[in-house]
Amino acid sequence: MVKRKEDTPQRVANRRYEARNKEKRQAASGNFQTMIPRDLFVEINAFLKDRNMTKVDFIKKAYEMLKSSTNSGTH
């Protein structure tokens, strides 16, 4: 069983804030919550670090590339 850390005024305030803003945060952004093999994870992180690119930028770029290649094949 996981033991919860002692409540401090800041932790209590953080929990209240998270509870109040949960829906707004979920409406504004999403999370893929996926797992990949560790070797691939390390490789991708090294690739992104070499290019000073964030994971979000990588996802956007890959999405745009795949979307444009798919659209060009159907026209």
PDB file of N, CA and C in Angstrom:
ATOM      1  N   MET A   1       0.833  -1.174   0.000  1.00  0.00           N
ATOM      2  CA  MET A   1       0.000   0.000   0.000  1.00  0.00           C
ATOM      3  C   MET A   1       0.886   1.249   0.000  1.00  0.00           C
ATOM      4  N   VAL A   2       0.545   2.214  -0.824  1.00  0.00           N
ATOM      5  CA  VAL A   2       1.315   3.441  -0.924  1.00  0.00           C
ATOM      6  C   VAL A   2       0.903   4.372   0.206  1.00  0.00           C
ATOM      7  N   LYS A   3       1.893   4.851   0.926  1.00  0.00           N
ATOM      8  CA  LYS A   3       1.609   5.765   2.023  1.00  0.00           C
ATOM      9  C   LYS A   3       1.625   7.192   1.496  1.00  0.00           C
ATOM     10  N   ARG A   4       0.576   7.932   1.785  1.00  0.00           N
ATOM     11  CA  ARG A   4       0.436   9.304   1.325  1.00  0.00           C
ATOM     12  C   ARG A   4       1.272  10.235   2.198  1.00  0.00           C
ATOM     13  N   LYS A   5       1.891  11.234   1.546  1.00  0.00           N
ATOM     14  CA  LYS A   5       2.686  12.191   2.304  1.00  0.00           C
ATOM     15  C   LYS A   5       1.791  12.990   3.243  1.00  0.00           C
ATOM     16  N   GLU A   6       2.416  13.505   4.291  1.00  0.00           N
ATOM     17  CA  GLU A   6       1.696  14.302   5.285  1.00  0.00           C
ATOM     18  C   GLU A   6       1.089  15.542   4.630  1.00  0.00           C
ATOM     19  N   ASP A   7      -0.132  15.859   5.021  1.00  0.00           N
ATOM     20  CA  ASP A   7      -0.788  17.063   4.493  1.00  0.00           C
ATOM     21  C   ASP A   7      -0.110  18.310   5.038  1.00  0.00           C
ATOM     22  N   THR A   8       0.229  19.205   4.125  1.00  0.00           N
ATOM     23  CA  THR A   8       0.717  20.529   4.508  1.00  0.00           C
ATOM     24  C   THR A   8      -0.286  21.523   3.941  1.00  0.00           C
ATOM     25  N   PRO A   9      -0.291  22.747   4.418  1.00  0.00           N
ATOM     26  CA  PRO A   9      -1.214  23.735   3.847  1.00  0.00           C
ATOM     27  C   PRO A   9      -1.051  23.873   2.332  1.00  0.00           C
ATOM     28  N   GLN A  10       0.189  23.814   1.833  1.00  0.00           N
ATOM     29  CA  GLN A  10       0.422  23.935   0.390  1.00  0.00           C
ATOM     30  C   GLN A  10      -0.142  22.731  -0.367  1.00  0.00           C
ATOM     31  N   ARG A  11       0.041  21.532   0.158  1.00  0.00           N
ATOM     32  CA  ARG A  11      -0.498  20.338  -0.505  1.00  0.00           C
ATOM     33  C   ARG A  11      -2.023  20.367  -0.543  1.00  0.00           C
ATOM     34  N   VAL A  12      -2.640  20.805   0.547  1.00  0.00           N
ATOM     35  CA  VAL A  12      -4.098  20.923   0.602  1.00  0.00           C
ATOM     36  C   VAL A  12      -4.573  21.941  -0.431  1.00  0.00           C
ATOM     37  N   ALA A  13      -3.881  23.084  -0.503  1.00  0.00           N
ATOM     38  CA  ALA A  13      -4.238  24.121  -1.480  1.00  0.00           C
ATOM     39  C   ALA A  13      -4.057  23.603  -2.898  1.00  0.00           C
ATOM     40  N   ASN A  14      -2.986  22.868  -3.154  1.00  0.00           N
ATOM     41  CA  ASN A  14      -2.741  22.301  -4.492  1.00  0.00           C
ATOM     42  C   ASN A  14      -3.851  21.332  -4.889  1.00  0.00           C
ATOM     43  N   ARG A  15      -4.273  20.489  -3.951  1.00  0.00           N
ATOM     44  CA  ARG A  15      -5.343  19.534  -4.259  1.00  0.00           C
ATOM     45  C   ARG A  15      -6.651  20.250  -4.573  1.00  0.00           C
ATOM     46  N   ARG A  16      -6.965  21.288  -3.791  1.00  0.00           N
ATOM     47  CA  ARG A  16      -8.183  22.071  -4.061  1.00  0.00           C
ATOM     48  C   ARG A  16      -8.111  22.724  -5.441  1.00  0.00           C
ATOM     49  N   TYR A  17      -6.947  23.298  -5.765  1.00  0.00           N
ATOM     50  CA  TYR A  17      -6.765  23.937  -7.069  1.00  0.00           C
ATOM     51  C   TYR A  17      -6.950  22.919  -8.194  1.00  0.00           C
ATOM     52  N   GLU A  18      -6.319  21.757  -8.057  1.00  0.00           N
ATOM     53  CA  GLU A  18      -6.427  20.708  -9.079  1.00  0.00           C
ATOM     54  C   GLU A  18      -7.880  20.256  -9.238  1.00  0.00           C
ATOM     55  N   ALA A  19      -8.580  20.103  -8.137  1.00  0.00           N
ATOM     56  CA  ALA A  19      -9.983  19.668  -8.205  1.00  0.00           C
ATOM     57  C   ALA A  19     -10.841  20.715  -8.914  1.00  0.00           C
ATOM     58  N   ARG A  20     -10.604  21.998  -8.626  1.00  0.00           N
ATOM     59  CA  ARG A  20     -11.381  23.079  -9.242  1.00  0.00           C
ATOM     60  C   ARG A  20     -11.097  23.225 -10.731  1.00  0.00           C
ATOM     61  N   ASN A  21      -9.849  22.979 -11.129  1.00  0.00           N
ATOM     62  CA  ASN A  21      -9.437  23.263 -12.506  1.00  0.00           C
ATOM     63  C   ASN A  21      -9.283  22.035 -13.393  1.00  0.00           C
ATOM     64  N   LYS A  22      -9.647  20.868 -12.882  1.00  0.00           N
ATOM     65  CA  LYS A  22      -9.451  19.626 -13.619  1.00  0.00           C
ATOM     66  C   LYS A  22     -10.171  19.635 -14.969  1.00  0.00           C
ATOM     67  N   GLU A  23     -11.433  19.991 -14.990  1.00  0.00           N
ATOM     68  CA  GLU A  23     -12.200  19.975 -16.246  1.00  0.00           C
ATOM     69  C   GLU A  23     -11.654  20.967 -17.247  1.00  0.00           C
ATOM     70  N   LYS A  24     -11.303  22.158 -16.788  1.00  0.00           N
ATOM     71  CA  LYS A  24     -10.754  23.183 -17.684  1.00  0.00           C
ATOM     72  C   LYS A  24      -9.437  22.698 -18.298  1.00  0.00           C
ATOM     73  N   ARG A  25      -8.592  22.087 -17.484  1.00  0.00           N
ATOM     74  CA  ARG A  25      -7.302  21.583 -17.961  1.00  0.00           C
ATOM     75  C   ARG A  25      -7.507  20.454 -18.967  1.00  0.00           C
ATOM     76  N   GLN A  26      -8.440  19.553 -18.679  1.00  0.00           N
ATOM     77  CA  GLN A  26      -8.701  18.443 -19.593  1.00  0.00           C
ATOM     78  C   GLN A  26      -9.286  18.926 -20.906  1.00  0.00           C
ATOM     79  N   ALA A  27     -10.082  19.994 -20.877  1.00  0.00           N
ATOM     80  CA  ALA A  27     -10.663  20.538 -22.104  1.00  0.00           C
ATOM     81  C   ALA A  27      -9.598  21.228 -22.954  1.00  0.00           C
ATOM     82  N   ALA A  28      -8.560  21.744 -22.321  1.00  0.00           N
ATOM     83  CA  ALA A  28      -7.537  22.512 -23.031  1.00  0.00           C
ATOM     84  C   ALA A  28      -6.435  21.640 -23.626  1.00  0.00           C
ATOM     85  N   SER A  29      -6.193  20.463 -23.075  1.00  0.00           N
ATOM     86  CA  SER A  29      -5.082  19.649 -23.566  1.00  0.00           C
ATOM     87  C   SER A  29      -5.370  18.172 -23.351  1.00  0.00           C
ATOM     88  N   GLY A  30      -4.529  17.341 -23.977  1.00  0.00           N
ATOM     89  CA  GLY A  30      -4.716  15.898 -23.867  1.00  0.00           C
ATOM     90  C   GLY A  30      -3.397  15.193 -23.647  1.00  0.00           C
ATOM     91  N   ASN A  31      -3.491  13.913 -23.391  1.00  0.00           N
ATOM     92  CA  ASN A  31      -2.318  13.115 -23.107  1.00  0.00           C
ATOM     93  C   ASN A  31      -2.514  11.744 -23.754  1.00  0.00           C
ATOM     94  N   PHE A  32      -1.521  11.289 -24.492  1.00  0.00           N
ATOM     95  CA  PHE A  32      -1.631   9.988 -25.158  1.00  0.00           C
ATOM     96  C   PHE A  32      -1.506   8.824 -24.187  1.00  0.00           C
ATOM     97  N   GLN A  33      -0.833   9.003 -23.072  1.00  0.00           N
ATOM     98  CA  GLN A  33      -0.615   7.967 -22.065  1.00  0.00           C
ATOM     99  C   GLN A  33      -0.312   6.612 -22.686  1.00  0.00           C
ATOM    100  N   THR A  34       0.808   6.561 -23.364  1.00  0.00           N
ATOM    101  CA  THR A  34       1.211   5.325 -24.014  1.00  0.00           C
ATOM    102  C   THR A  34       2.596   4.919 -23.540  1.00  0.00           C
ATOM    103  N   MET A  35       2.872   3.658 -23.634  1.00  0.00           N
ATOM    104  CA  MET A  35       4.184   3.137 -23.239  1.00  0.00           C
ATOM    105  C   MET A  35       4.891   2.635 -24.491  1.00  0.00           C
ATOM    106  N   ILE A  36       6.213   2.886 -24.546  1.00  0.00           N
ATOM    107  CA  ILE A  36       7.028   2.356 -25.638  1.00  0.00           C
ATOM    108  C   ILE A  36       8.227   1.651 -25.015  1.00  0.00           C
ATOM    109  N   PRO A  37       8.849   0.746 -25.756  1.00  0.00           N
ATOM    110  CA  PRO A  37      10.021   0.062 -25.206  1.00  0.00           C
ATOM    111  C   PRO A  37      11.113   1.064 -24.811  1.00  0.00           C
ATOM    112  N   ARG A  38      11.827   0.790 -23.736  1.00  0.00           N
ATOM    113  CA  ARG A  38      12.836   1.696 -23.187  1.00  0.00           C
ATOM    114  C   ARG A  38      13.890   2.064 -24.235  1.00  0.00           C
ATOM    115  N   ASP A  39      14.359   1.097 -25.026  1.00  0.00           N
ATOM    116  CA  ASP A  39      15.389   1.387 -26.037  1.00  0.00           C
ATOM    117  C   ASP A  39      14.906   2.438 -27.032  1.00  0.00           C
ATOM    118  N   LEU A  40      13.675   2.298 -27.500  1.00  0.00           N
ATOM    119  CA  LEU A  40      13.105   3.265 -28.433  1.00  0.00           C
ATOM    120  C   LEU A  40      12.921   4.618 -27.759  1.00  0.00           C
ATOM    121  N   PHE A  41      12.487   4.617 -26.510  1.00  0.00           N
ATOM    122  CA  PHE A  41      12.328   5.842 -25.735  1.00  0.00           C
ATOM    123  C   PHE A  41      13.650   6.603 -25.635  1.00  0.00           C
ATOM    124  N   VAL A  42      14.710   5.903 -25.292  1.00  0.00           N
ATOM    125  CA  VAL A  42      16.037   6.519 -25.169  1.00  0.00           C
ATOM    126  C   VAL A  42      16.501   7.059 -26.521  1.00  0.00           C
ATOM    127  N   GLU A  43      16.288   6.279 -27.574  1.00  0.00           N
ATOM    128  CA  GLU A  43      16.692   6.690 -28.921  1.00  0.00           C
ATOM    129  C   GLU A  43      15.951   7.957 -29.361  1.00  0.00           C
ATOM    130  N   ILE A  44      14.648   7.984 -29.159  1.00  0.00           N
ATOM    131  CA  ILE A  44      13.856   9.154 -29.546  1.00  0.00           C
ATOM    132  C   ILE A  44      14.262  10.377 -28.727  1.00  0.00           C
ATOM    133  N   ASN A  45      14.455  10.210 -27.426  1.00  0.00           N
ATOM    134  CA  ASN A  45      14.876  11.338 -26.594  1.00  0.00           C
ATOM    135  C   ASN A  45      16.223  11.896 -27.032  1.00  0.00           C
ATOM    136  N   ALA A  46      17.162  11.025 -27.383  1.00  0.00           N
ATOM    137  CA  ALA A  46      18.476  11.481 -27.859  1.00  0.00           C
ATOM    138  C   ALA A  46      18.321  12.237 -29.181  1.00  0.00           C
ATOM    139  N   PHE A  47      17.503  11.714 -30.076  1.00  0.00           N
ATOM    140  CA  PHE A  47      17.225  12.358 -31.365  1.00  0.00           C
ATOM    141  C   PHE A  47      16.662  13.763 -31.146  1.00  0.00           C
ATOM    142  N   LEU A  48      15.688  13.881 -30.265  1.00  0.00           N
ATOM    143  CA  LEU A  48      15.059  15.167 -29.992  1.00  0.00           C
ATOM    144  C   LEU A  48      16.028  16.137 -29.323  1.00  0.00           C
ATOM    145  N   LYS A  49      16.835  15.634 -28.415  1.00  0.00           N
ATOM    146  CA  LYS A  49      17.808  16.494 -27.728  1.00  0.00           C
ATOM    147  C   LYS A  49      18.826  17.042 -28.719  1.00  0.00           C
ATOM    148  N   ASP A  50      19.300  16.188 -29.643  1.00  0.00           N
ATOM    149  CA  ASP A  50      20.256  16.631 -30.671  1.00  0.00           C
ATOM    150  C   ASP A  50      19.680  17.753 -31.519  1.00  0.00           C
ATOM    151  N   ARG A  51      18.387  17.727 -31.721  1.00  0.00           N
ATOM    152  CA  ARG A  51      17.723  18.719 -32.581  1.00  0.00           C
ATOM    153  C   ARG A  51      17.044  19.834 -31.784  1.00  0.00           C
ATOM    154  N   ASN A  52      17.231  19.815 -30.451  1.00  0.00           N
ATOM    155  CA  ASN A  52      16.617  20.816 -29.571  1.00  0.00           C
ATOM    156  C   ASN A  52      15.115  20.926 -29.840  1.00  0.00           C
ATOM    157  N   MET A  53      14.461  19.773 -29.889  1.00  0.00           N
ATOM    158  CA  MET A  53      13.041  19.685 -30.229  1.00  0.00           C
ATOM    159  C   MET A  53      12.281  19.057 -29.069  1.00  0.00           C
ATOM    160  N   THR A  54      11.095  19.588 -28.768  1.00  0.00           N
ATOM    161  CA  THR A  54      10.275  19.004 -27.709  1.00  0.00           C
ATOM    162  C   THR A  54       9.466  17.834 -28.263  1.00  0.00           C
ATOM    163  N   LYS A  55       8.948  17.022 -27.368  1.00  0.00           N
ATOM    164  CA  LYS A  55       8.101  15.902 -27.798  1.00  0.00           C
ATOM    165  C   LYS A  55       6.833  16.410 -28.462  1.00  0.00           C
ATOM    166  N   VAL A  56       6.291  17.516 -27.954  1.00  0.00           N
ATOM    167  CA  VAL A  56       5.084  18.090 -28.558  1.00  0.00           C
ATOM    168  C   VAL A  56       5.384  18.564 -29.979  1.00  0.00           C
ATOM    169  N   ASP A  57       6.525  19.249 -30.164  1.00  0.00           N
ATOM    170  CA  ASP A  57       6.904  19.688 -31.516  1.00  0.00           C
ATOM    171  C   ASP A  57       7.086  18.488 -32.446  1.00  0.00           C
ATOM    172  N   PHE A  58       7.682  17.422 -31.919  1.00  0.00           N
ATOM    173  CA  PHE A  58       7.893  16.202 -32.700  1.00  0.00           C
ATOM    174  C   PHE A  58       6.557  15.589 -33.139  1.00  0.00           C
ATOM    175  N   ILE A  59       5.621  15.510 -32.224  1.00  0.00           N
ATOM    176  CA  ILE A  59       4.301  14.941 -32.539  1.00  0.00           C
ATOM    177  C   ILE A  59       3.597  15.787 -33.594  1.00  0.00           C
ATOM    178  N   LYS A  60       3.637  17.118 -33.412  1.00  0.00           N
ATOM    179  CA  LYS A  60       3.002  18.008 -34.387  1.00  0.00           C
ATOM    180  C   LYS A  60       3.619  17.842 -35.772  1.00  0.00           C
ATOM    181  N   LYS A  61       4.955  17.823 -35.826  1.00  0.00           N
ATOM    182  CA  LYS A  61       5.662  17.705 -37.110  1.00  0.00           C
ATOM    183  C   LYS A  61       5.341  16.362 -37.776  1.00  0.00           C
ATOM    184  N   ALA A  62       5.412  15.286 -37.028  1.00  0.00           N
ATOM    185  CA  ALA A  62       5.115  13.959 -37.581  1.00  0.00           C
ATOM    186  C   ALA A  62       3.674  13.892 -38.069  1.00  0.00           C
ATOM    187  N   TYR A  63       2.760  14.460 -37.309  1.00  0.00           N
ATOM    188  CA  TYR A  63       1.347  14.478 -37.697  1.00  0.00           C
ATOM    189  C   TYR A  63       1.160  15.241 -39.009  1.00  0.00           C
ATOM    190  N   GLU A  64       1.759  16.427 -39.085  1.00  0.00           N
ATOM    191  CA  GLU A  64       1.636  17.232 -40.313  1.00  0.00           C
ATOM    192  C   GLU A  64       2.238  16.506 -41.516  1.00  0.00           C
ATOM    193  N   MET A  65       3.387  15.856 -41.325  1.00  0.00           N
ATOM    194  CA  MET A  65       4.032  15.124 -42.418  1.00  0.00           C
ATOM    195  C   MET A  65       3.157  13.959 -42.883  1.00  0.00           C
ATOM    196  N   LEU A  66       2.626  13.196 -41.940  1.00  0.00           N
ATOM    197  CA  LEU A  66       1.780  12.069 -42.309  1.00  0.00           C
ATOM    198  C   LEU A  66       0.472  12.526 -42.945  1.00  0.00           C
ATOM    199  N   LYS A  67      -0.078  13.606 -42.408  1.00  0.00           N
ATOM    200  CA  LYS A  67      -1.322  14.135 -42.950  1.00  0.00           C
ATOM    201  C   LYS A  67      -1.116  14.623 -44.383  1.00  0.00           C
ATOM    202  N   SER A  68      -0.029  15.326 -44.632  1.00  0.00           N
ATOM    203  CA  SER A  68       0.219  15.840 -45.982  1.00  0.00           C
ATOM    204  C   SER A  68       0.563  14.708 -46.953  1.00  0.00           C
ATOM    205  N   SER A  69       1.274  13.686 -46.493  1.00  0.00           N
ATOM    206  CA  SER A  69       1.593  12.575 -47.403  1.00  0.00           C
ATOM    207  C   SER A  69       0.351  11.764 -47.714  1.00  0.00           C
ATOM    208  N   THR A  70      -0.559  11.660 -46.761  1.00  0.00           N
ATOM    209  CA  THR A  70      -1.812  10.952 -46.992  1.00  0.00           C
ATOM    210  C   THR A  70      -2.707  11.741 -47.957  1.00  0.00           C
ATOM    211  N   ASN A  71      -2.769  13.055 -47.753  1.00  0.00           N
ATOM    212  CA  ASN A  71      -3.591  13.895 -48.636  1.00  0.00           C
ATOM    213  C   ASN A  71      -3.051  13.950 -50.049  1.00  0.00           C
ATOM    214  N   SER A  72      -1.730  13.957 -50.209  1.00  0.00           N
ATOM    215  CA  SER A  72      -1.157  14.035 -51.555  1.00  0.00           C
ATOM    216  C   SER A  72      -1.379  12.737 -52.329  1.00  0.00           C
ATOM    217  N   GLY A  73      -1.520  11.637 -51.619  1.00  0.00           N
ATOM    218  CA  GLY A  73      -1.746  10.366 -52.284  1.00  0.00           C
ATOM    219  C   GLY A  73      -3.185  10.170 -52.745  1.00  0.00           C
ATOM    220  N   THR A  74      -4.114  10.951 -52.194  1.00  0.00           N
ATOM    221  CA  THR A  74      -5.511  10.760 -52.540  1.00  0.00           C
ATOM    222  C   THR A  74      -5.986  11.769 -53.582  1.00  0.00           C
ATOM    223  N   HIS A  75      -5.169  12.805 -53.889  1.00  0.00           N
ATOM    224  CA  HIS A  75      -5.597  13.819 -54.853  1.00  0.00           C
ATOM    225  C   HIS A  75      -5.024  13.554 -56.211  1.00  0.00           C
TER     226      HIS A  75
END
